């Protein structure tokens, strides 16, 4: 498993962020601080990640034992983040063993106090914790309706729906020693900095509804672009290619046979393949002008922006390389 996101703190220093990006990592979540203390590497990490063109998020480690303390942590965090821009939410990291005796109700209130205080300053926010905490210490069902979820489940799979899954530690080029490795499963959590609308889960819901209506995908219309929606899009692509004689297995896996069956799409093209391309771009956070099956100016702009953002040759032609990257996690 290869991460598309890493998280870092003072324990990782002298990072070569260009090598990190070249290794396929697109995003980094940087510890801004803990309690009311700034992480001593935050400025270096932010500057380096920004220069390399990575998507940036931040997190704050909680030592709060009541809502007043968590609000103070949020105010300290806001001062440190001031003047900086972020592509991912700011996450509240709750995992301190000493907090556990406070109980679920109090700990959930502590989390909400931090998140709402920071949200009032204009930041998108989320909560980070483990499956055990989301079961016994935090009201997951409440929190997931209000905030982004970053789940730390070190395993080959995870137990709860989440926007970002921290699956373990590993070696990443450009980082000395191991670092935490993550998969961004819901790319809508990345804000739109390339003319897209990735922070608008309504756009993903529109695609999910369209998949259900057109292809009987049976998706939950939840606005989360994760494995199920990705698989449904690939099945839609395989179905459309089969209608043109490809004879593919409709399995939701973008393998070699599916890649070989893809033909180039470009400005002026119309039809169901263009509509599927538009759906994939929308779920990745790019504005296409709608799901109309017309490869017009806005779809062309979206394809070029996606190609540029992902290190592809920028020609506005959606072929094997573009579809292959669109369907990767």
C-alpha atoms as a PDB file:
ATOM      1  CA  UNK A   1       0.000   0.000   0.000  1.00  0.00           C
ATOM      2  CA  UNK A   2       1.348   3.417  -0.982  1.00  0.00           C
ATOM      3  CA  UNK A   3       0.301   6.568   0.867  1.00  0.00           C
ATOM      4  CA  UNK A   4      -1.047   9.613  -0.896  1.00  0.00           C
ATOM      5  CA  UNK A   5      -0.764  11.578   2.343  1.00  0.00           C
ATOM      6  CA  UNK A   6       1.698  11.663   5.242  1.00  0.00           C
ATOM      7  CA  UNK A   7       1.488  13.397   8.595  1.00  0.00           C
ATOM      8  CA  UNK A   8       4.548  14.876  10.246  1.00  0.00           C
ATOM      9  CA  UNK A   9       5.704  16.704  13.363  1.00  0.00           C
ATOM     10  CA  UNK A  10       8.890  17.646  15.180  1.00  0.00           C
ATOM     11  CA  UNK A  11       9.932  13.983  14.973  1.00  0.00           C
ATOM     12  CA  UNK A  12      10.551  14.378  11.230  1.00  0.00           C
ATOM     13  CA  UNK A  13      13.107  17.017  10.321  1.00  0.00           C
ATOM     14  CA  UNK A  14      15.031  18.155   7.219  1.00  0.00           C
ATOM     15  CA  UNK A  15      12.402  16.695   4.900  1.00  0.00           C
ATOM     16  CA  UNK A  16      12.973  16.906   1.145  1.00  0.00           C
ATOM     17  CA  UNK A  17       9.397  17.642   0.116  1.00  0.00           C
ATOM     18  CA  UNK A  18      10.191  17.474  -3.601  1.00  0.00           C
ATOM     19  CA  UNK A  19      11.236  13.839  -3.127  1.00  0.00           C
ATOM     20  CA  UNK A  20       8.102  13.236  -1.085  1.00  0.00           C
ATOM     21  CA  UNK A  21       6.001  14.556  -3.959  1.00  0.00           C
ATOM     22  CA  UNK A  22       7.952  12.555  -6.529  1.00  0.00           C
ATOM     23  CA  UNK A  23       7.184   9.419  -4.494  1.00  0.00           C
ATOM     24  CA  UNK A  24       3.462   9.921  -5.197  1.00  0.00           C
ATOM     25  CA  UNK A  25       2.451  11.729  -2.018  1.00  0.00           C
ATOM     26  CA  UNK A  26       0.068  14.580  -2.833  1.00  0.00           C
ATOM     27  CA  UNK A  27      -0.807  15.813   0.654  1.00  0.00           C
ATOM     28  CA  UNK A  28       0.788  16.409   4.037  1.00  0.00           C
ATOM     29  CA  UNK A  29      -0.813  17.062   7.423  1.00  0.00           C
ATOM     30  CA  UNK A  30       1.518  18.997   9.711  1.00  0.00           C
ATOM     31  CA  UNK A  31       1.337  19.159  13.481  1.00  0.00           C
ATOM     32  CA  UNK A  32       0.872  22.813  14.360  1.00  0.00           C
ATOM     33  CA  UNK A  33       1.192  22.221  18.092  1.00  0.00           C
ATOM     34  CA  UNK A  34      -0.032  20.589  21.275  1.00  0.00           C
ATOM     35  CA  UNK A  35      -1.740  21.959  24.387  1.00  0.00           C
ATOM     36  CA  UNK A  36      -0.974  25.661  23.778  1.00  0.00           C
ATOM     37  CA  UNK A  37       2.570  25.084  22.445  1.00  0.00           C
ATOM     38  CA  UNK A  38       3.679  25.485  18.836  1.00  0.00           C
ATOM     39  CA  UNK A  39       5.444  22.557  17.172  1.00  0.00           C
ATOM     40  CA  UNK A  40       9.025  23.710  16.642  1.00  0.00           C
ATOM     41  CA  UNK A  41       9.097  22.341  13.081  1.00  0.00           C
ATOM     42  CA  UNK A  42       5.736  23.680  11.950  1.00  0.00           C
ATOM     43  CA  UNK A  43       7.085  26.710  10.083  1.00  0.00           C
ATOM     44  CA  UNK A  44       9.806  24.689   8.342  1.00  0.00           C
ATOM     45  CA  UNK A  45       7.372  21.966   7.374  1.00  0.00           C
ATOM     46  CA  UNK A  46       4.751  24.393   6.124  1.00  0.00           C
ATOM     47  CA  UNK A  47       7.261  26.379   4.076  1.00  0.00           C
ATOM     48  CA  UNK A  48       8.789  23.275   2.504  1.00  0.00           C
ATOM     49  CA  UNK A  49       5.483  21.597   1.683  1.00  0.00           C
ATOM     50  CA  UNK A  50       4.112  24.814   0.203  1.00  0.00           C
ATOM     51  CA  UNK A  51       7.171  25.278  -2.007  1.00  0.00           C
ATOM     52  CA  UNK A  52       6.820  21.705  -3.297  1.00  0.00           C
ATOM     53  CA  UNK A  53       3.181  22.271  -4.225  1.00  0.00           C
ATOM     54  CA  UNK A  54       1.712  19.712  -1.836  1.00  0.00           C
ATOM     55  CA  UNK A  55      -1.787  19.930  -0.394  1.00  0.00           C
ATOM     56  CA  UNK A  56      -1.437  20.990   3.232  1.00  0.00           C
ATOM     57  CA  UNK A  57      -3.482  20.278   6.330  1.00  0.00           C
ATOM     58  CA  UNK A  58      -2.692  20.686  10.018  1.00  0.00           C
ATOM     59  CA  UNK A  59      -3.424  18.957  13.297  1.00  0.00           C
ATOM     60  CA  UNK A  60      -3.336  19.859  16.966  1.00  0.00           C
ATOM     61  CA  UNK A  61      -2.664  17.330  19.733  1.00  0.00           C
ATOM     62  CA  UNK A  62      -5.117  17.610  22.619  1.00  0.00           C
ATOM     63  CA  UNK A  63      -4.187  17.747  26.285  1.00  0.00           C
ATOM     64  CA  UNK A  64      -7.497  19.359  27.268  1.00  0.00           C
ATOM     65  CA  UNK A  65      -9.563  18.055  30.178  1.00  0.00           C
ATOM     66  CA  UNK A  66     -12.546  20.378  29.824  1.00  0.00           C
ATOM     67  CA  UNK A  67     -14.187  22.623  27.248  1.00  0.00           C
ATOM     68  CA  UNK A  68     -12.431  25.750  28.501  1.00  0.00           C
ATOM     69  CA  UNK A  69      -9.022  24.161  27.970  1.00  0.00           C
ATOM     70  CA  UNK A  70      -9.906  22.897  24.496  1.00  0.00           C
ATOM     71  CA  UNK A  71     -11.172  26.357  23.525  1.00  0.00           C
ATOM     72  CA  UNK A  72      -7.843  27.800  24.699  1.00  0.00           C
ATOM     73  CA  UNK A  73      -6.029  25.207  22.601  1.00  0.00           C
ATOM     74  CA  UNK A  74      -8.098  26.274  19.603  1.00  0.00           C
ATOM     75  CA  UNK A  75      -7.228  29.935  20.156  1.00  0.00           C
ATOM     76  CA  UNK A  76      -3.532  29.076  20.376  1.00  0.00           C
ATOM     77  CA  UNK A  77      -3.843  27.019  17.198  1.00  0.00           C
ATOM     78  CA  UNK A  78      -5.601  29.849  15.352  1.00  0.00           C
ATOM     79  CA  UNK A  79      -2.792  32.276  16.197  1.00  0.00           C
ATOM     80  CA  UNK A  80      -0.216  29.893  14.783  1.00  0.00           C
ATOM     81  CA  UNK A  81      -2.203  29.206  11.615  1.00  0.00           C
ATOM     82  CA  UNK A  82      -3.010  32.865  10.966  1.00  0.00           C
ATOM     83  CA  UNK A  83      -1.927  34.082   7.543  1.00  0.00           C
ATOM     84  CA  UNK A  84      -1.457  30.582   6.128  1.00  0.00           C
ATOM     85  CA  UNK A  85      -3.673  28.747   3.652  1.00  0.00           C
ATOM     86  CA  UNK A  86      -4.729  25.121   3.933  1.00  0.00           C
ATOM     87  CA  UNK A  87      -6.084  22.648   1.413  1.00  0.00           C
ATOM     88  CA  UNK A  88      -7.182  20.111   4.035  1.00  0.00           C
ATOM     89  CA  UNK A  89      -9.038  20.627   7.310  1.00  0.00           C
ATOM     90  CA  UNK A  90      -7.379  21.290  10.647  1.00  0.00           C
ATOM     91  CA  UNK A  91      -7.773  18.159  12.782  1.00  0.00           C
ATOM     92  CA  UNK A  92      -8.037  17.812  16.541  1.00  0.00           C
ATOM     93  CA  UNK A  93      -5.961  14.815  17.632  1.00  0.00           C
ATOM     94  CA  UNK A  94      -7.576  13.093  20.618  1.00  0.00           C
ATOM     95  CA  UNK A  95      -5.780  10.041  21.979  1.00  0.00           C
ATOM     96  CA  UNK A  96      -4.267  11.022  25.357  1.00  0.00           C
ATOM     97  CA  UNK A  97      -4.728   8.124  27.806  1.00  0.00           C
ATOM     98  CA  UNK A  98      -5.260  10.437  30.778  1.00  0.00           C
ATOM     99  CA  UNK A  99      -8.387  11.871  29.150  1.00  0.00           C
ATOM    100  CA  UNK A 100     -10.195   8.515  28.895  1.00  0.00           C
ATOM    101  CA  UNK A 101     -11.747   8.570  32.426  1.00  0.00           C
ATOM    102  CA  UNK A 102     -13.623  11.749  31.474  1.00  0.00           C
ATOM    103  CA  UNK A 103     -16.100   9.629  29.526  1.00  0.00           C
ATOM    104  CA  UNK A 104     -17.718   9.913  26.117  1.00  0.00           C
ATOM    105  CA  UNK A 105     -20.074  12.820  26.797  1.00  0.00           C
ATOM    106  CA  UNK A 106     -17.390  15.089  28.255  1.00  0.00           C
ATOM    107  CA  UNK A 107     -14.748  14.152  25.691  1.00  0.00           C
ATOM    108  CA  UNK A 108     -17.157  14.791  22.823  1.00  0.00           C
ATOM    109  CA  UNK A 109     -17.936  18.204  24.318  1.00  0.00           C
ATOM    110  CA  UNK A 110     -14.192  18.873  24.636  1.00  0.00           C
ATOM    111  CA  UNK A 111     -13.727  18.018  20.958  1.00  0.00           C
ATOM    112  CA  UNK A 112     -16.645  20.154  19.822  1.00  0.00           C
ATOM    113  CA  UNK A 113     -15.400  23.105  21.869  1.00  0.00           C
ATOM    114  CA  UNK A 114     -12.059  23.063  20.048  1.00  0.00           C
ATOM    115  CA  UNK A 115     -13.589  22.461  16.630  1.00  0.00           C
ATOM    116  CA  UNK A 116     -16.320  25.079  16.904  1.00  0.00           C
ATOM    117  CA  UNK A 117     -13.886  27.691  18.254  1.00  0.00           C
ATOM    118  CA  UNK A 118     -11.539  27.113  15.325  1.00  0.00           C
ATOM    119  CA  UNK A 119     -14.409  26.889  12.862  1.00  0.00           C
ATOM    120  CA  UNK A 120     -15.572  30.323  13.985  1.00  0.00           C
ATOM    121  CA  UNK A 121     -12.231  31.653  12.735  1.00  0.00           C
ATOM    122  CA  UNK A 122     -13.025  30.339   9.253  1.00  0.00           C
ATOM    123  CA  UNK A 123     -11.152  27.033   9.261  1.00  0.00           C
ATOM    124  CA  UNK A 124     -12.508  23.748   7.995  1.00  0.00           C
ATOM    125  CA  UNK A 125     -12.087  21.264  10.825  1.00  0.00           C
ATOM    126  CA  UNK A 126     -12.055  17.567  11.630  1.00  0.00           C
ATOM    127  CA  UNK A 127     -11.362  15.034  14.342  1.00  0.00           C
ATOM    128  CA  UNK A 128      -8.567  12.426  14.468  1.00  0.00           C
ATOM    129  CA  UNK A 129      -8.689   9.348  16.640  1.00  0.00           C
ATOM    130  CA  UNK A 130      -8.647   5.553  16.738  1.00  0.00           C
ATOM    131  CA  UNK A 131     -11.466   2.996  16.423  1.00  0.00           C
ATOM    132  CA  UNK A 132     -11.399   2.354  20.160  1.00  0.00           C
ATOM    133  CA  UNK A 133     -11.775   6.057  20.919  1.00  0.00           C
ATOM    134  CA  UNK A 134     -14.563   6.428  18.370  1.00  0.00           C
ATOM    135  CA  UNK A 135     -16.292   3.506  20.072  1.00  0.00           C
ATOM    136  CA  UNK A 136     -15.799   4.264  23.765  1.00  0.00           C
ATOM    137  CA  UNK A 137     -14.598   7.857  24.144  1.00  0.00           C
ATOM    138  CA  UNK A 138     -16.094   9.966  21.362  1.00  0.00           C
ATOM    139  CA  UNK A 139     -19.576  10.081  19.865  1.00  0.00           C
ATOM    140  CA  UNK A 140     -18.616   9.086  16.335  1.00  0.00           C
ATOM    141  CA  UNK A 141     -22.192   9.188  15.000  1.00  0.00           C
ATOM    142  CA  UNK A 142     -22.544  12.813  16.118  1.00  0.00           C
ATOM    143  CA  UNK A 143     -19.078  13.962  15.091  1.00  0.00           C
ATOM    144  CA  UNK A 144     -19.228  12.467  11.579  1.00  0.00           C
ATOM    145  CA  UNK A 145     -22.306  14.574  10.804  1.00  0.00           C
ATOM    146  CA  UNK A 146     -20.493  17.816  11.630  1.00  0.00           C
ATOM    147  CA  UNK A 147     -16.791  17.323  10.956  1.00  0.00           C
ATOM    148  CA  UNK A 148     -14.279  15.526   8.779  1.00  0.00           C
ATOM    149  CA  UNK A 149     -13.121  12.164  10.164  1.00  0.00           C
ATOM    150  CA  UNK A 150      -9.457  11.101  10.127  1.00  0.00           C
ATOM    151  CA  UNK A 151      -9.260   7.536  11.378  1.00  0.00           C
ATOM    152  CA  UNK A 152      -6.108   5.941  12.803  1.00  0.00           C
ATOM    153  CA  UNK A 153      -6.587   2.220  12.225  1.00  0.00           C
ATOM    154  CA  UNK A 154      -3.265   0.472  11.693  1.00  0.00           C
ATOM    155  CA  UNK A 155      -4.378  -2.522   9.692  1.00  0.00           C
ATOM    156  CA  UNK A 156      -4.936  -3.773   6.171  1.00  0.00           C
ATOM    157  CA  UNK A 157      -8.460  -2.345   6.281  1.00  0.00           C
ATOM    158  CA  UNK A 158     -10.440  -0.029   8.514  1.00  0.00           C
ATOM    159  CA  UNK A 159     -13.576  -0.388  10.559  1.00  0.00           C
ATOM    160  CA  UNK A 160     -15.415   2.915  10.104  1.00  0.00           C
ATOM    161  CA  UNK A 161     -16.154   5.288   7.211  1.00  0.00           C
ATOM    162  CA  UNK A 162     -13.665   8.159   7.140  1.00  0.00           C
ATOM    163  CA  UNK A 163     -12.288  10.884   4.911  1.00  0.00           C
ATOM    164  CA  UNK A 164      -8.667  10.003   5.679  1.00  0.00           C
ATOM    165  CA  UNK A 165      -7.378   6.634   6.828  1.00  0.00           C
ATOM    166  CA  UNK A 166      -4.064   6.447   8.687  1.00  0.00           C
ATOM    167  CA  UNK A 167      -3.114   2.830   8.056  1.00  0.00           C
ATOM    168  CA  UNK A 168       0.335   2.667   9.692  1.00  0.00           C
ATOM    169  CA  UNK A 169       3.912   3.839   9.477  1.00  0.00           C
ATOM    170  CA  UNK A 170       6.346   3.413   6.636  1.00  0.00           C
ATOM    171  CA  UNK A 171       9.314   4.726   4.734  1.00  0.00           C
ATOM    172  CA  UNK A 172       8.729   7.544   2.266  1.00  0.00           C
ATOM    173  CA  UNK A 173      11.406   8.996  -0.004  1.00  0.00           C
ATOM    174  CA  UNK A 174      12.530  12.395   1.277  1.00  0.00           C
ATOM    175  CA  UNK A 175      11.775  11.604   4.929  1.00  0.00           C
ATOM    176  CA  UNK A 176      14.525  10.360   7.224  1.00  0.00           C
ATOM    177  CA  UNK A 177      13.130   7.390   9.137  1.00  0.00           C
ATOM    178  CA  UNK A 178       9.509   6.275   9.194  1.00  0.00           C
ATOM    179  CA  UNK A 179       6.472   8.522   9.191  1.00  0.00           C
ATOM    180  CA  UNK A 180       2.727   8.029   9.511  1.00  0.00           C
ATOM    181  CA  UNK A 181       1.121   6.976   6.227  1.00  0.00           C
ATOM    182  CA  UNK A 182      -2.420   7.769   5.115  1.00  0.00           C
ATOM    183  CA  UNK A 183      -4.882   7.279   2.285  1.00  0.00           C
ATOM    184  CA  UNK A 184      -7.204  10.179   1.501  1.00  0.00           C
ATOM    185  CA  UNK A 185     -10.317   8.173   0.669  1.00  0.00           C
ATOM    186  CA  UNK A 186     -12.666  11.110   0.226  1.00  0.00           C
ATOM    187  CA  UNK A 187     -10.910  13.524  -2.106  1.00  0.00           C
ATOM    188  CA  UNK A 188     -13.748  15.995  -1.511  1.00  0.00           C
ATOM    189  CA  UNK A 189     -11.965  16.795   1.752  1.00  0.00           C
ATOM    190  CA  UNK A 190      -9.311  18.620  -0.307  1.00  0.00           C
ATOM    191  CA  UNK A 191     -10.336  22.200  -0.917  1.00  0.00           C
ATOM    192  CA  UNK A 192     -10.634  23.596  -4.412  1.00  0.00           C
ATOM    193  CA  UNK A 193      -7.392  25.333  -5.326  1.00  0.00           C
ATOM    194  CA  UNK A 194      -7.461  24.482  -9.020  1.00  0.00           C
ATOM    195  CA  UNK A 195     -10.840  25.759 -10.079  1.00  0.00           C
ATOM    196  CA  UNK A 196     -12.651  22.762  -8.628  1.00  0.00           C
ATOM    197  CA  UNK A 197     -15.295  22.313  -6.007  1.00  0.00           C
ATOM    198  CA  UNK A 198     -13.728  19.597  -3.900  1.00  0.00           C
ATOM    199  CA  UNK A 199     -14.982  20.984  -0.627  1.00  0.00           C
ATOM    200  CA  UNK A 200     -18.569  20.703  -1.892  1.00  0.00           C
ATOM    201  CA  UNK A 201     -19.795  17.225  -0.982  1.00  0.00           C
ATOM    202  CA  UNK A 202     -23.034  18.127  -2.773  1.00  0.00           C
ATOM    203  CA  UNK A 203     -21.221  17.655  -6.085  1.00  0.00           C
ATOM    204  CA  UNK A 204     -20.192  14.132  -5.074  1.00  0.00           C
ATOM    205  CA  UNK A 205     -23.762  13.422  -3.945  1.00  0.00           C
ATOM    206  CA  UNK A 206     -24.966  14.464  -7.405  1.00  0.00           C
ATOM    207  CA  UNK A 207     -22.595  11.952  -8.993  1.00  0.00           C
ATOM    208  CA  UNK A 208     -23.659   9.215  -6.568  1.00  0.00           C
ATOM    209  CA  UNK A 209     -27.320   9.837  -7.393  1.00  0.00           C
ATOM    210  CA  UNK A 210     -26.520   9.765 -11.103  1.00  0.00           C
ATOM    211  CA  UNK A 211     -24.653   6.458 -10.725  1.00  0.00           C
ATOM    212  CA  UNK A 212     -27.602   4.969  -8.867  1.00  0.00           C
ATOM    213  CA  UNK A 213     -30.082   6.138 -11.498  1.00  0.00           C
ATOM    214  CA  UNK A 214     -28.037   5.297 -14.588  1.00  0.00           C
ATOM    215  CA  UNK A 215     -26.169   2.186 -13.487  1.00  0.00           C
ATOM    216  CA  UNK A 216     -28.045   0.841 -10.460  1.00  0.00           C
ATOM    217  CA  UNK A 217     -24.947   1.274  -8.287  1.00  0.00           C
ATOM    218  CA  UNK A 218     -26.817   1.161  -4.966  1.00  0.00           C
ATOM    219  CA  UNK A 219     -24.570   3.758  -3.333  1.00  0.00           C
ATOM    220  CA  UNK A 220     -25.299   5.662  -0.162  1.00  0.00           C
ATOM    221  CA  UNK A 221     -25.685   9.286  -1.301  1.00  0.00           C
ATOM    222  CA  UNK A 222     -23.383  10.600   1.417  1.00  0.00           C
ATOM    223  CA  UNK A 223     -21.041  12.937  -0.484  1.00  0.00           C
ATOM    224  CA  UNK A 224     -17.991  10.797   0.358  1.00  0.00           C
ATOM    225  CA  UNK A 225     -15.757   9.881  -2.555  1.00  0.00           C
ATOM    226  CA  UNK A 226     -14.325   6.631  -1.239  1.00  0.00           C
ATOM    227  CA  UNK A 227     -13.733   3.110  -2.501  1.00  0.00           C
ATOM    228  CA  UNK A 228     -17.383   2.304  -3.185  1.00  0.00           C
ATOM    229  CA  UNK A 229     -18.022   5.380  -5.328  1.00  0.00           C
ATOM    230  CA  UNK A 230     -14.696   4.940  -7.088  1.00  0.00           C
ATOM    231  CA  UNK A 231     -15.550   1.308  -7.850  1.00  0.00           C
ATOM    232  CA  UNK A 232     -18.989   2.302  -9.140  1.00  0.00           C
ATOM    233  CA  UNK A 233     -17.405   4.843 -11.507  1.00  0.00           C
ATOM    234  CA  UNK A 234     -15.023   2.209 -12.844  1.00  0.00           C
ATOM    235  CA  UNK A 235     -17.950  -0.188 -13.366  1.00  0.00           C
ATOM    236  CA  UNK A 236     -19.772   2.578 -15.248  1.00  0.00           C
ATOM    237  CA  UNK A 237     -16.698   3.081 -17.430  1.00  0.00           C
ATOM    238  CA  UNK A 238     -16.405  -0.663 -18.083  1.00  0.00           C
ATOM    239  CA  UNK A 239     -20.102  -0.856 -18.979  1.00  0.00           C
ATOM    240  CA  UNK A 240     -19.799   2.047 -21.411  1.00  0.00           C
ATOM    241  CA  UNK A 241     -16.697   0.502 -23.009  1.00  0.00           C
ATOM    242  CA  UNK A 242     -18.510  -2.823 -23.332  1.00  0.00           C
ATOM    243  CA  UNK A 243     -21.290  -1.028 -25.199  1.00  0.00           C
ATOM    244  CA  UNK A 244     -18.603  -0.211 -27.740  1.00  0.00           C
ATOM    245  CA  UNK A 245     -17.443  -3.823 -27.964  1.00  0.00           C
ATOM    246  CA  UNK A 246     -14.707  -4.023 -25.307  1.00  0.00           C
ATOM    247  CA  UNK A 247     -15.966  -7.262 -23.665  1.00  0.00           C
ATOM    248  CA  UNK A 248     -14.614  -6.351 -20.206  1.00  0.00           C
ATOM    249  CA  UNK A 249     -15.490  -7.926 -16.887  1.00  0.00           C
ATOM    250  CA  UNK A 250     -17.499  -5.296 -14.990  1.00  0.00           C
ATOM    251  CA  UNK A 251     -15.674  -5.692 -11.684  1.00  0.00           C
ATOM    252  CA  UNK A 252     -14.890  -2.112 -10.623  1.00  0.00           C
ATOM    253  CA  UNK A 253     -11.152  -2.726 -10.935  1.00  0.00           C
ATOM    254  CA  UNK A 254      -9.163  -0.519 -13.288  1.00  0.00           C
ATOM    255  CA  UNK A 255      -6.708  -3.134 -14.510  1.00  0.00           C
ATOM    256  CA  UNK A 256      -4.676  -3.623 -17.660  1.00  0.00           C
ATOM    257  CA  UNK A 257      -7.632  -4.737 -19.802  1.00  0.00           C
ATOM    258  CA  UNK A 258      -9.733  -1.728 -18.861  1.00  0.00           C
ATOM    259  CA  UNK A 259      -6.789   0.592 -19.461  1.00  0.00           C
ATOM    260  CA  UNK A 260      -6.194  -0.875 -22.921  1.00  0.00           C
ATOM    261  CA  UNK A 261      -9.862  -0.482 -23.840  1.00  0.00           C
ATOM    262  CA  UNK A 262      -9.911   3.262 -23.043  1.00  0.00           C
ATOM    263  CA  UNK A 263      -9.906   5.525 -26.073  1.00  0.00           C
ATOM    264  CA  UNK A 264      -8.962   9.195 -26.182  1.00  0.00           C
ATOM    265  CA  UNK A 265     -11.582  11.825 -25.444  1.00  0.00           C
ATOM    266  CA  UNK A 266     -11.050  15.468 -26.379  1.00  0.00           C
ATOM    267  CA  UNK A 267     -12.851  18.767 -26.863  1.00  0.00           C
ATOM    268  CA  UNK A 268     -15.881  18.359 -29.092  1.00  0.00           C
ATOM    269  CA  UNK A 269     -16.598  14.753 -28.126  1.00  0.00           C
ATOM    270  CA  UNK A 270     -19.993  13.780 -26.710  1.00  0.00           C
ATOM    271  CA  UNK A 271     -21.626  10.725 -25.216  1.00  0.00           C
ATOM    272  CA  UNK A 272     -21.690   8.462 -22.198  1.00  0.00           C
ATOM    273  CA  UNK A 273     -17.898   8.145 -21.916  1.00  0.00           C
ATOM    274  CA  UNK A 274     -17.614  11.930 -21.682  1.00  0.00           C
ATOM    275  CA  UNK A 275     -20.326  11.922 -19.006  1.00  0.00           C
ATOM    276  CA  UNK A 276     -18.370   9.326 -17.012  1.00  0.00           C
ATOM    277  CA  UNK A 277     -15.199  11.395 -17.425  1.00  0.00           C
ATOM    278  CA  UNK A 278     -17.071  14.416 -16.074  1.00  0.00           C
ATOM    279  CA  UNK A 279     -18.315  12.391 -13.093  1.00  0.00           C
ATOM    280  CA  UNK A 280     -14.774  11.284 -12.277  1.00  0.00           C
ATOM    281  CA  UNK A 281     -13.465  14.850 -12.496  1.00  0.00           C
ATOM    282  CA  UNK A 282     -16.279  16.157 -10.302  1.00  0.00           C
ATOM    283  CA  UNK A 283     -15.471  13.585  -7.613  1.00  0.00           C
ATOM    284  CA  UNK A 284     -11.845  14.701  -7.758  1.00  0.00           C
ATOM    285  CA  UNK A 285     -12.914  18.290  -7.160  1.00  0.00           C
ATOM    286  CA  UNK A 286     -12.946  19.825 -10.638  1.00  0.00           C
ATOM    287  CA  UNK A 287     -15.730  21.839 -12.249  1.00  0.00           C
ATOM    288  CA  UNK A 288     -16.878  20.458 -15.614  1.00  0.00           C
ATOM    289  CA  UNK A 289     -19.998  22.507 -16.195  1.00  0.00           C
ATOM    290  CA  UNK A 290     -22.204  19.600 -15.222  1.00  0.00           C
ATOM    291  CA  UNK A 291     -22.928  15.993 -16.178  1.00  0.00           C
ATOM    292  CA  UNK A 292     -24.090  16.672 -19.723  1.00  0.00           C
ATOM    293  CA  UNK A 293     -21.860  14.355 -21.780  1.00  0.00           C
ATOM    294  CA  UNK A 294     -20.455  17.296 -23.744  1.00  0.00           C
ATOM    295  CA  UNK A 295     -16.672  17.820 -23.785  1.00  0.00           C
ATOM    296  CA  UNK A 296     -16.907  21.595 -23.832  1.00  0.00           C
ATOM    297  CA  UNK A 297     -14.684  24.414 -22.606  1.00  0.00           C
ATOM    298  CA  UNK A 298     -15.204  23.779 -18.893  1.00  0.00           C
ATOM    299  CA  UNK A 299     -14.543  20.051 -19.198  1.00  0.00           C
ATOM    300  CA  UNK A 300     -11.422  20.811 -21.236  1.00  0.00           C
ATOM    301  CA  UNK A 301     -10.242  23.223 -18.527  1.00  0.00           C
ATOM    302  CA  UNK A 302     -10.925  20.621 -15.837  1.00  0.00           C
ATOM    303  CA  UNK A 303      -8.981  17.913 -17.694  1.00  0.00           C
ATOM    304  CA  UNK A 304      -5.998  20.219 -18.177  1.00  0.00           C
ATOM    305  CA  UNK A 305      -6.061  21.294 -14.515  1.00  0.00           C
ATOM    306  CA  UNK A 306      -6.222  17.661 -13.392  1.00  0.00           C
ATOM    307  CA  UNK A 307      -3.328  16.726 -15.685  1.00  0.00           C
ATOM    308  CA  UNK A 308      -1.236  19.627 -14.416  1.00  0.00           C
ATOM    309  CA  UNK A 309      -1.982  18.868 -10.752  1.00  0.00           C
ATOM    310  CA  UNK A 310      -1.027  15.211 -11.163  1.00  0.00           C
ATOM    311  CA  UNK A 311       2.177  15.501 -13.185  1.00  0.00           C
ATOM    312  CA  UNK A 312       0.640  14.326 -16.467  1.00  0.00           C
ATOM    313  CA  UNK A 313       1.306  15.729 -19.926  1.00  0.00           C
ATOM    314  CA  UNK A 314      -1.089  18.668 -20.234  1.00  0.00           C
ATOM    315  CA  UNK A 315      -2.838  18.302 -23.593  1.00  0.00           C
ATOM    316  CA  UNK A 316      -6.517  18.301 -22.651  1.00  0.00           C
ATOM    317  CA  UNK A 317      -6.897  14.759 -24.020  1.00  0.00           C
ATOM    318  CA  UNK A 318      -8.391  12.250 -21.615  1.00  0.00           C
ATOM    319  CA  UNK A 319      -6.714   8.974 -22.526  1.00  0.00           C
ATOM    320  CA  UNK A 320      -5.224   5.989 -20.741  1.00  0.00           C
ATOM    321  CA  UNK A 321      -2.920   8.007 -18.463  1.00  0.00           C
ATOM    322  CA  UNK A 322      -5.621  10.479 -17.431  1.00  0.00           C
ATOM    323  CA  UNK A 323      -8.268   7.822 -16.780  1.00  0.00           C
ATOM    324  CA  UNK A 324      -5.728   5.675 -14.952  1.00  0.00           C
ATOM    325  CA  UNK A 325      -4.860   8.522 -12.582  1.00  0.00           C
ATOM    326  CA  UNK A 326      -8.506   9.559 -12.163  1.00  0.00           C
ATOM    327  CA  UNK A 327      -9.397   6.055 -11.017  1.00  0.00           C
ATOM    328  CA  UNK A 328      -6.477   5.665  -8.594  1.00  0.00           C
ATOM    329  CA  UNK A 329      -6.898   6.425  -4.904  1.00  0.00           C
END
